[in-house]
Amino acid sequence: MYISIELPDTPLLLQHQSTYYQRLLCFSLYHLQQISEKEVCEMLHLTRREFADWLPKYGFSAMPEDAETITIECQK
């Protein structure tokens, strides 16, 4: 699938390259459980390690944030 998005030429948006927005979209879709980690890695040509390293740079946790995981982590 090919998606084209036109954004305004504001200084804040112009400071990033198109790859930034591509990653942001993919990580957002992953966070919303619309695509899998494997799909993100394939689309962005990342290894699983690179995927885990990039997530926090875009404001997302590498750990699942479901109730079960949070309960387990809080018990440690």
N, C-alpha and C. Protein backbone atom coordinates (compact mmCIF):
# COMPACT_ATOMS: atom_id res chain seq x y z
N MET A 1 0.85 -1.17 0.00
CA MET A 1 0.00 0.00 0.00
C MET A 1 0.89 1.23 0.00
N TYR A 2 0.49 2.21 -0.75
CA TYR A 2 1.22 3.47 -0.80
C TYR A 2 0.30 4.56 -0.27
N ILE A 3 0.81 5.36 0.67
CA ILE A 3 0.04 6.46 1.25
C ILE A 3 0.84 7.75 1.07
N SER A 4 0.17 8.77 0.64
CA SER A 4 0.79 10.08 0.50
C SER A 4 0.04 11.07 1.38
N ILE A 5 0.79 11.80 2.19
CA ILE A 5 0.19 12.77 3.09
C ILE A 5 0.85 14.12 2.85
N GLU A 6 0.05 15.13 2.68
CA GLU A 6 0.59 16.47 2.52
C GLU A 6 0.48 17.20 3.85
N LEU A 7 1.63 17.68 4.33
CA LEU A 7 1.69 18.40 5.60
C LEU A 7 2.07 19.85 5.33
N PRO A 8 1.67 20.76 6.19
CA PRO A 8 2.04 22.17 5.99
C PRO A 8 3.54 22.37 6.19
N ASP A 9 4.08 23.37 5.53
CA ASP A 9 5.51 23.67 5.63
C ASP A 9 5.81 24.55 6.84
N THR A 10 5.58 23.98 8.02
CA THR A 10 5.89 24.71 9.24
C THR A 10 7.29 24.33 9.70
N PRO A 11 7.98 25.22 10.39
CA PRO A 11 9.34 24.91 10.84
C PRO A 11 9.42 23.62 11.67
N LEU A 12 8.43 23.40 12.53
CA LEU A 12 8.44 22.21 13.37
C LEU A 12 8.37 20.93 12.53
N LEU A 13 7.51 20.92 11.52
CA LEU A 13 7.37 19.73 10.68
C LEU A 13 8.53 19.56 9.71
N LEU A 14 9.09 20.66 9.26
CA LEU A 14 10.19 20.60 8.30
C LEU A 14 11.50 20.12 8.90
N GLN A 15 11.61 20.11 10.22
CA GLN A 15 12.85 19.68 10.85
C GLN A 15 13.06 18.17 10.76
N HIS A 16 12.03 17.43 10.36
CA HIS A 16 12.12 15.97 10.26
C HIS A 16 12.08 15.53 8.80
N GLN A 17 12.75 14.41 8.54
CA GLN A 17 12.69 13.82 7.21
C GLN A 17 11.46 12.92 7.12
N SER A 18 11.13 12.51 5.91
CA SER A 18 9.94 11.68 5.71
C SER A 18 10.03 10.35 6.45
N THR A 19 11.25 9.83 6.65
CA THR A 19 11.39 8.56 7.38
C THR A 19 10.89 8.68 8.81
N TYR A 20 11.04 9.86 9.41
CA TYR A 20 10.53 10.10 10.76
C TYR A 20 9.02 9.87 10.80
N TYR A 21 8.30 10.41 9.84
CA TYR A 21 6.85 10.29 9.81
C TYR A 21 6.41 8.87 9.46
N GLN A 22 7.19 8.20 8.62
CA GLN A 22 6.89 6.81 8.31
C GLN A 22 7.02 5.95 9.57
N ARG A 23 8.10 6.14 10.31
CA ARG A 23 8.29 5.39 11.56
C ARG A 23 7.21 5.73 12.57
N LEU A 24 6.89 7.00 12.69
CA LEU A 24 5.86 7.43 13.63
C LEU A 24 4.52 6.76 13.33
N LEU A 25 4.16 6.70 12.07
CA LEU A 25 2.91 6.04 11.68
C LEU A 25 2.96 4.54 12.01
N CYS A 26 4.05 3.89 11.66
CA CYS A 26 4.17 2.45 11.92
C CYS A 26 4.14 2.14 13.41
N PHE A 27 4.88 2.90 14.21
CA PHE A 27 4.90 2.66 15.66
C PHE A 27 3.54 2.97 16.28
N SER A 28 2.86 3.98 15.77
CA SER A 28 1.51 4.30 16.26
C SER A 28 0.54 3.17 15.96
N LEU A 29 0.60 2.64 14.75
CA LEU A 29 -0.27 1.52 14.39
C LEU A 29 0.05 0.28 15.23
N TYR A 30 1.33 0.06 15.51
CA TYR A 30 1.72 -1.05 16.38
C TYR A 30 1.15 -0.84 17.79
N HIS A 31 1.31 0.37 18.31
CA HIS A 31 0.81 0.69 19.65
C HIS A 31 -0.71 0.50 19.74
N LEU A 32 -1.41 0.80 18.66
CA LEU A 32 -2.87 0.65 18.61
C LEU A 32 -3.29 -0.78 18.27
N GLN A 33 -2.30 -1.69 18.17
CA GLN A 33 -2.51 -3.11 17.88
C GLN A 33 -3.19 -3.33 16.53
N GLN A 34 -2.83 -2.49 15.56
CA GLN A 34 -3.36 -2.64 14.21
C GLN A 34 -2.42 -3.42 13.31
N ILE A 35 -1.12 -3.43 13.66
CA ILE A 35 -0.12 -4.22 12.95
C ILE A 35 0.81 -4.84 13.98
N SER A 36 1.50 -5.89 13.56
CA SER A 36 2.37 -6.63 14.47
C SER A 36 3.80 -6.07 14.45
N GLU A 37 4.57 -6.50 15.43
CA GLU A 37 5.99 -6.14 15.47
C GLU A 37 6.69 -6.61 14.20
N LYS A 38 6.38 -7.82 13.78
CA LYS A 38 6.98 -8.37 12.57
C LYS A 38 6.66 -7.49 11.36
N GLU A 39 5.42 -7.04 11.25
CA GLU A 39 5.04 -6.19 10.12
C GLU A 39 5.78 -4.86 10.15
N VAL A 40 5.93 -4.28 11.35
CA VAL A 40 6.67 -3.03 11.48
C VAL A 40 8.12 -3.25 11.04
N CYS A 41 8.73 -4.31 11.52
CA CYS A 41 10.12 -4.60 11.17
C CYS A 41 10.29 -4.78 9.66
N GLU A 42 9.34 -5.46 9.04
CA GLU A 42 9.41 -5.65 7.59
C GLU A 42 9.24 -4.33 6.84
N MET A 43 8.30 -3.52 7.26
CA MET A 43 8.04 -2.25 6.57
C MET A 43 9.21 -1.28 6.71
N LEU A 44 9.82 -1.25 7.88
CA LEU A 44 10.88 -0.28 8.15
C LEU A 44 12.28 -0.87 7.98
N HIS A 45 12.35 -2.15 7.62
CA HIS A 45 13.63 -2.85 7.43
C HIS A 45 14.48 -2.78 8.70
N LEU A 46 13.85 -3.16 9.81
CA LEU A 46 14.51 -3.16 11.11
C LEU A 46 14.65 -4.57 11.63
N THR A 47 15.67 -4.80 12.46
CA THR A 47 15.73 -6.04 13.21
C THR A 47 14.84 -5.88 14.44
N ARG A 48 14.55 -6.96 15.13
CA ARG A 48 13.74 -6.86 16.35
C ARG A 48 14.44 -5.99 17.39
N ARG A 49 15.75 -6.08 17.47
CA ARG A 49 16.52 -5.26 18.41
C ARG A 49 16.39 -3.78 18.06
N GLU A 50 16.53 -3.45 16.78
CA GLU A 50 16.39 -2.06 16.35
C GLU A 50 14.98 -1.55 16.64
N PHE A 51 13.98 -2.42 16.41
CA PHE A 51 12.59 -2.06 16.71
C PHE A 51 12.46 -1.66 18.17
N ALA A 52 12.99 -2.49 19.07
CA ALA A 52 12.91 -2.22 20.52
C ALA A 52 13.66 -0.94 20.88
N ASP A 53 14.75 -0.67 20.20
CA ASP A 53 15.52 0.55 20.47
C ASP A 53 14.81 1.81 19.98
N TRP A 54 14.09 1.72 18.85
CA TRP A 54 13.43 2.88 18.26
C TRP A 54 12.13 3.24 18.96
N LEU A 55 11.40 2.28 19.50
CA LEU A 55 10.10 2.57 20.12
C LEU A 55 10.15 3.72 21.13
N PRO A 56 11.04 3.69 22.12
CA PRO A 56 11.07 4.79 23.10
C PRO A 56 11.41 6.14 22.48
N LYS A 57 12.17 6.14 21.40
CA LYS A 57 12.53 7.40 20.73
C LYS A 57 11.31 8.09 20.13
N TYR A 58 10.25 7.31 19.94
CA TYR A 58 9.00 7.85 19.40
C TYR A 58 7.91 7.92 20.47
N GLY A 59 8.28 7.73 21.72
CA GLY A 59 7.35 7.90 22.83
C GLY A 59 6.56 6.66 23.20
N PHE A 60 6.99 5.49 22.72
CA PHE A 60 6.27 4.26 23.02
C PHE A 60 7.12 3.33 23.87
N SER A 61 6.47 2.56 24.71
CA SER A 61 7.16 1.61 25.57
C SER A 61 7.44 0.32 24.80
N ALA A 62 8.60 -0.25 25.06
CA ALA A 62 8.94 -1.54 24.45
C ALA A 62 8.23 -2.68 25.17
N MET A 63 7.79 -2.42 26.40
CA MET A 63 7.06 -3.43 27.17
C MET A 63 5.58 -3.31 26.88
N PRO A 64 4.89 -4.44 26.77
CA PRO A 64 3.43 -4.38 26.61
C PRO A 64 2.80 -3.66 27.80
N GLU A 65 1.79 -2.88 27.55
CA GLU A 65 1.17 -2.10 28.62
C GLU A 65 -0.20 -2.64 29.02
N ASP A 66 -0.39 -3.94 28.84
CA ASP A 66 -1.66 -4.52 29.24
C ASP A 66 -1.68 -4.73 30.76
N ALA A 67 -2.86 -4.94 31.31
CA ALA A 67 -3.03 -5.04 32.76
C ALA A 67 -2.21 -6.17 33.37
N GLU A 68 -2.12 -7.30 32.69
CA GLU A 68 -1.38 -8.44 33.21
C GLU A 68 0.12 -8.11 33.35
N THR A 69 0.68 -7.50 32.33
CA THR A 69 2.10 -7.14 32.37
C THR A 69 2.37 -6.12 33.45
N ILE A 70 1.53 -5.13 33.59
CA ILE A 70 1.69 -4.10 34.62
C ILE A 70 1.64 -4.73 36.01
N THR A 71 0.71 -5.65 36.24
CA THR A 71 0.60 -6.33 37.53
C THR A 71 1.87 -7.11 37.84
N ILE A 72 2.39 -7.85 36.85
CA ILE A 72 3.61 -8.64 37.05
C ILE A 72 4.78 -7.72 37.36
N GLU A 73 4.94 -6.65 36.61
CA GLU A 73 6.06 -5.72 36.80
C GLU A 73 5.99 -5.03 38.17
N CYS A 74 4.80 -4.72 38.65
CA CYS A 74 4.64 -4.04 39.94
C CYS A 74 4.97 -4.97 41.11
N GLN A 75 4.89 -6.27 40.90
CA GLN A 75 5.18 -7.22 41.97
C GLN A 75 6.67 -7.41 42.16
N LYS A 76 7.49 -7.00 41.22
CA LYS A 76 8.94 -7.20 41.31
C LYS A 76 9.57 -6.22 42.24
